[in-house]
């Protein structure tokens, strides 16, 4: 009788362990797969040559830039010459 009780306790333990693992962590996490990030164009800074994503580039006179400092120094230099 005690072996049957031990067997039932072990079965209940593994059952609840399996139920806990099968639950999604976020609501709807299993219903739709995560979509990968869309690729985007990489642009080159006209001042230093560093490549950066198009949505992070700053437009200016003479091209795109990685920072406002590079944009200002490029436009100041080009305005003098």
N, C-alpha and C. Protein backbone atom coordinates (compact mmCIF):
# COMPACT_ATOMS: atom_id res chain seq x y z
N UNK A 1 0.82 -1.19 0.00
CA UNK A 1 0.00 0.00 0.00
C UNK A 1 0.86 1.26 0.00
N UNK A 2 1.97 1.24 0.78
CA UNK A 2 2.81 2.42 0.81
C UNK A 2 3.52 2.64 -0.51
N UNK A 3 3.79 1.58 -1.26
CA UNK A 3 4.41 1.73 -2.58
C UNK A 3 3.45 2.37 -3.58
N UNK A 4 2.18 2.02 -3.45
CA UNK A 4 1.16 2.61 -4.31
C UNK A 4 1.03 4.11 -4.02
N UNK A 5 1.06 4.50 -2.77
CA UNK A 5 0.99 5.90 -2.38
C UNK A 5 2.22 6.66 -2.89
N UNK A 6 3.39 6.07 -2.75
CA UNK A 6 4.61 6.69 -3.25
C UNK A 6 4.56 6.85 -4.77
N UNK A 7 4.06 5.85 -5.45
CA UNK A 7 3.93 5.91 -6.90
C UNK A 7 2.96 7.02 -7.32
N UNK A 8 1.84 7.15 -6.62
CA UNK A 8 0.87 8.21 -6.92
C UNK A 8 1.46 9.60 -6.66
N UNK A 9 2.23 9.75 -5.58
CA UNK A 9 2.86 11.04 -5.29
C UNK A 9 3.89 11.40 -6.37
N UNK A 10 4.68 10.44 -6.80
CA UNK A 10 5.66 10.70 -7.87
C UNK A 10 4.96 11.04 -9.19
N UNK A 11 3.89 10.34 -9.50
CA UNK A 11 3.15 10.61 -10.72
C UNK A 11 2.55 12.02 -10.68
N UNK A 12 2.00 12.42 -9.54
CA UNK A 12 1.43 13.76 -9.41
C UNK A 12 2.51 14.82 -9.53
N UNK A 13 3.67 14.56 -8.93
CA UNK A 13 4.79 15.51 -9.01
C UNK A 13 5.21 15.73 -10.46
N UNK A 14 5.43 14.64 -11.20
CA UNK A 14 5.86 14.78 -12.59
C UNK A 14 4.76 15.35 -13.47
N UNK A 15 3.51 15.08 -13.16
CA UNK A 15 2.41 15.66 -13.92
C UNK A 15 2.39 17.18 -13.77
N UNK A 16 2.47 17.68 -12.53
CA UNK A 16 2.46 19.12 -12.31
C UNK A 16 3.71 19.79 -12.84
N UNK A 17 4.82 19.11 -12.80
CA UNK A 17 6.06 19.63 -13.37
C UNK A 17 5.92 19.79 -14.88
N UNK A 18 5.31 18.83 -15.53
CA UNK A 18 5.10 18.91 -16.98
C UNK A 18 4.10 19.99 -17.35
N UNK A 19 3.05 20.16 -16.56
CA UNK A 19 2.05 21.20 -16.82
C UNK A 19 2.68 22.58 -16.68
N UNK A 20 3.52 22.75 -15.68
CA UNK A 20 4.16 24.04 -15.46
C UNK A 20 5.10 24.40 -16.61
N UNK A 21 5.81 23.43 -17.14
CA UNK A 21 6.73 23.68 -18.25
C UNK A 21 6.00 23.95 -19.56
N UNK A 22 4.83 23.38 -19.72
CA UNK A 22 4.13 23.54 -21.00
C UNK A 22 3.40 24.87 -21.12
N UNK A 23 3.22 25.60 -20.01
CA UNK A 23 2.54 26.90 -20.07
C UNK A 23 3.42 27.94 -20.74
N UNK A 24 2.85 28.76 -21.62
CA UNK A 24 3.65 29.85 -22.21
C UNK A 24 3.95 30.90 -21.15
N UNK A 25 5.10 31.54 -21.29
CA UNK A 25 5.51 32.55 -20.32
C UNK A 25 4.75 33.84 -20.51
N UNK A 26 4.40 34.18 -21.75
CA UNK A 26 3.64 35.39 -22.05
C UNK A 26 2.33 34.98 -22.72
N UNK A 27 1.28 35.72 -22.49
CA UNK A 27 0.03 35.38 -23.17
C UNK A 27 0.19 35.47 -24.68
N UNK A 28 -0.18 34.43 -25.37
CA UNK A 28 -0.10 34.42 -26.83
C UNK A 28 1.30 34.14 -27.36
N UNK A 29 2.24 33.76 -26.51
CA UNK A 29 3.61 33.54 -26.96
C UNK A 29 3.70 32.34 -27.90
N UNK A 30 2.90 31.33 -27.67
CA UNK A 30 2.96 30.14 -28.52
C UNK A 30 2.08 30.26 -29.76
N UNK A 31 1.12 31.17 -29.74
CA UNK A 31 0.18 31.24 -30.84
C UNK A 31 0.80 31.83 -32.11
N UNK A 32 1.75 32.76 -31.96
CA UNK A 32 2.36 33.34 -33.15
C UNK A 32 3.87 33.40 -32.97
N UNK A 33 4.62 32.95 -33.97
CA UNK A 33 6.08 32.98 -33.84
C UNK A 33 6.61 34.40 -33.97
N UNK A 34 7.73 34.65 -33.35
CA UNK A 34 8.35 35.98 -33.41
C UNK A 34 8.91 36.20 -34.82
N UNK A 35 8.63 37.37 -35.38
CA UNK A 35 9.13 37.66 -36.71
C UNK A 35 10.53 38.27 -36.60
N UNK A 36 11.43 37.89 -37.49
CA UNK A 36 12.78 38.46 -37.43
C UNK A 36 12.77 39.92 -37.85
N UNK A 37 13.75 40.65 -37.38
CA UNK A 37 13.85 42.08 -37.70
C UNK A 37 14.10 42.24 -39.21
N UNK A 38 13.46 43.23 -39.77
CA UNK A 38 13.62 43.49 -41.20
C UNK A 38 14.98 44.14 -41.45
N UNK A 39 15.69 43.71 -42.49
CA UNK A 39 16.97 44.35 -42.79
C UNK A 39 16.76 45.77 -43.28
N UNK A 40 17.71 46.62 -43.01
CA UNK A 40 17.61 47.99 -43.46
C UNK A 40 18.94 48.42 -44.06
N UNK A 41 18.88 49.48 -44.84
CA UNK A 41 20.06 49.97 -45.54
C UNK A 41 21.07 50.53 -44.55
N UNK A 42 22.34 50.32 -44.84
CA UNK A 42 23.43 50.88 -44.05
C UNK A 42 24.01 52.03 -44.85
N UNK A 43 24.15 53.18 -44.19
CA UNK A 43 24.67 54.38 -44.85
C UNK A 43 26.02 54.73 -44.25
N UNK A 44 26.83 55.45 -45.04
CA UNK A 44 28.18 55.80 -44.62
C UNK A 44 28.22 57.27 -44.22
N UNK A 45 28.79 57.56 -43.05
CA UNK A 45 28.94 58.93 -42.59
C UNK A 45 29.89 59.67 -43.52
N UNK A 46 29.50 60.85 -43.98
CA UNK A 46 30.32 61.63 -44.91
C UNK A 46 31.57 62.18 -44.23
N UNK A 47 31.59 62.23 -42.91
CA UNK A 47 32.74 62.79 -42.18
C UNK A 47 33.75 61.71 -41.82
N UNK A 48 33.33 60.66 -41.14
CA UNK A 48 34.27 59.66 -40.63
C UNK A 48 34.24 58.34 -41.39
N UNK A 49 33.21 58.08 -42.16
CA UNK A 49 33.13 56.85 -42.94
C UNK A 49 32.50 55.68 -42.21
N UNK A 50 32.04 55.89 -40.99
CA UNK A 50 31.42 54.81 -40.23
C UNK A 50 30.06 54.47 -40.85
N UNK A 51 29.75 53.17 -40.93
CA UNK A 51 28.46 52.72 -41.45
C UNK A 51 27.46 52.63 -40.30
N UNK A 52 26.24 53.11 -40.56
CA UNK A 52 25.19 53.08 -39.57
C UNK A 52 23.86 52.84 -40.25
N UNK A 53 22.88 52.30 -39.49
CA UNK A 53 21.56 52.05 -40.08
C UNK A 53 20.90 53.35 -40.55
N UNK A 54 20.10 53.24 -41.59
CA UNK A 54 19.47 54.40 -42.20
C UNK A 54 18.57 55.16 -41.23
N UNK A 55 17.93 54.45 -40.30
CA UNK A 55 17.04 55.16 -39.38
C UNK A 55 17.79 55.91 -38.29
N UNK A 56 19.10 55.70 -38.15
CA UNK A 56 19.90 56.42 -37.17
C UNK A 56 20.73 57.54 -37.81
N UNK A 57 20.77 57.60 -39.12
CA UNK A 57 21.59 58.59 -39.83
C UNK A 57 20.95 59.98 -39.76
N UNK A 58 21.80 60.99 -39.64
CA UNK A 58 21.34 62.38 -39.61
C UNK A 58 21.60 63.02 -40.97
N UNK A 59 20.56 63.50 -41.65
CA UNK A 59 20.77 64.12 -42.95
C UNK A 59 21.40 65.50 -42.79
N UNK A 60 22.17 65.90 -43.79
CA UNK A 60 22.79 67.22 -43.78
C UNK A 60 23.21 67.60 -45.18
N UNK A 61 23.84 68.76 -45.31
CA UNK A 61 24.34 69.20 -46.61
C UNK A 61 25.60 68.40 -46.93
N UNK A 62 25.55 67.67 -48.00
CA UNK A 62 26.71 66.87 -48.40
C UNK A 62 26.62 65.40 -48.04
N UNK A 63 25.52 64.95 -47.48
CA UNK A 63 25.38 63.52 -47.18
C UNK A 63 24.67 63.28 -45.87
N UNK A 64 24.93 62.09 -45.32
CA UNK A 64 24.37 61.73 -44.02
C UNK A 64 25.51 61.59 -43.02
N UNK A 65 25.17 61.74 -41.73
CA UNK A 65 26.21 61.78 -40.71
C UNK A 65 25.81 60.92 -39.52
N UNK A 66 26.81 60.50 -38.75
CA UNK A 66 26.56 59.66 -37.59
C UNK A 66 26.26 60.48 -36.34
N UNK A 67 26.64 61.75 -36.32
CA UNK A 67 26.37 62.59 -35.15
C UNK A 67 26.24 64.05 -35.59
N UNK A 68 25.68 64.86 -34.70
CA UNK A 68 25.54 66.28 -35.01
C UNK A 68 26.90 66.96 -35.07
N UNK A 69 27.84 66.49 -34.27
CA UNK A 69 29.19 67.06 -34.30
C UNK A 69 29.86 66.86 -35.65
N UNK A 70 29.72 65.68 -36.22
CA UNK A 70 30.30 65.41 -37.54
C UNK A 70 29.58 66.22 -38.61
N UNK A 71 28.28 66.34 -38.49
CA UNK A 71 27.53 67.13 -39.46
C UNK A 71 27.97 68.60 -39.40
N UNK A 72 28.10 69.16 -38.20
CA UNK A 72 28.50 70.56 -38.06
C UNK A 72 29.92 70.80 -38.56
N UNK A 73 30.86 69.91 -38.24
CA UNK A 73 32.24 70.10 -38.68
C UNK A 73 32.36 69.95 -40.20
N UNK A 74 31.62 69.02 -40.79
CA UNK A 74 31.66 68.85 -42.25
C UNK A 74 31.09 70.08 -42.94
N UNK A 75 29.94 70.55 -42.46
CA UNK A 75 29.31 71.73 -43.10
C UNK A 75 30.14 72.99 -42.89
N UNK A 76 30.82 73.12 -41.75
CA UNK A 76 31.68 74.28 -41.53
C UNK A 76 32.89 74.24 -42.46
N UNK A 77 33.48 73.06 -42.61
CA UNK A 77 34.63 72.89 -43.49
C UNK A 77 34.27 73.10 -44.96
N UNK A 78 33.14 72.56 -45.37
CA UNK A 78 32.70 72.71 -46.76
C UNK A 78 32.25 74.14 -47.05
N UNK A 79 31.74 74.85 -46.06
CA UNK A 79 31.30 76.22 -46.25
C UNK A 79 32.47 77.19 -46.43
N UNK A 80 33.64 76.85 -45.87
CA UNK A 80 34.81 77.69 -45.98
C UNK A 80 35.48 77.58 -47.35
N UNK A 81 35.45 76.42 -47.90
CA UNK A 81 36.20 76.15 -49.13
C UNK A 81 35.44 76.33 -50.33
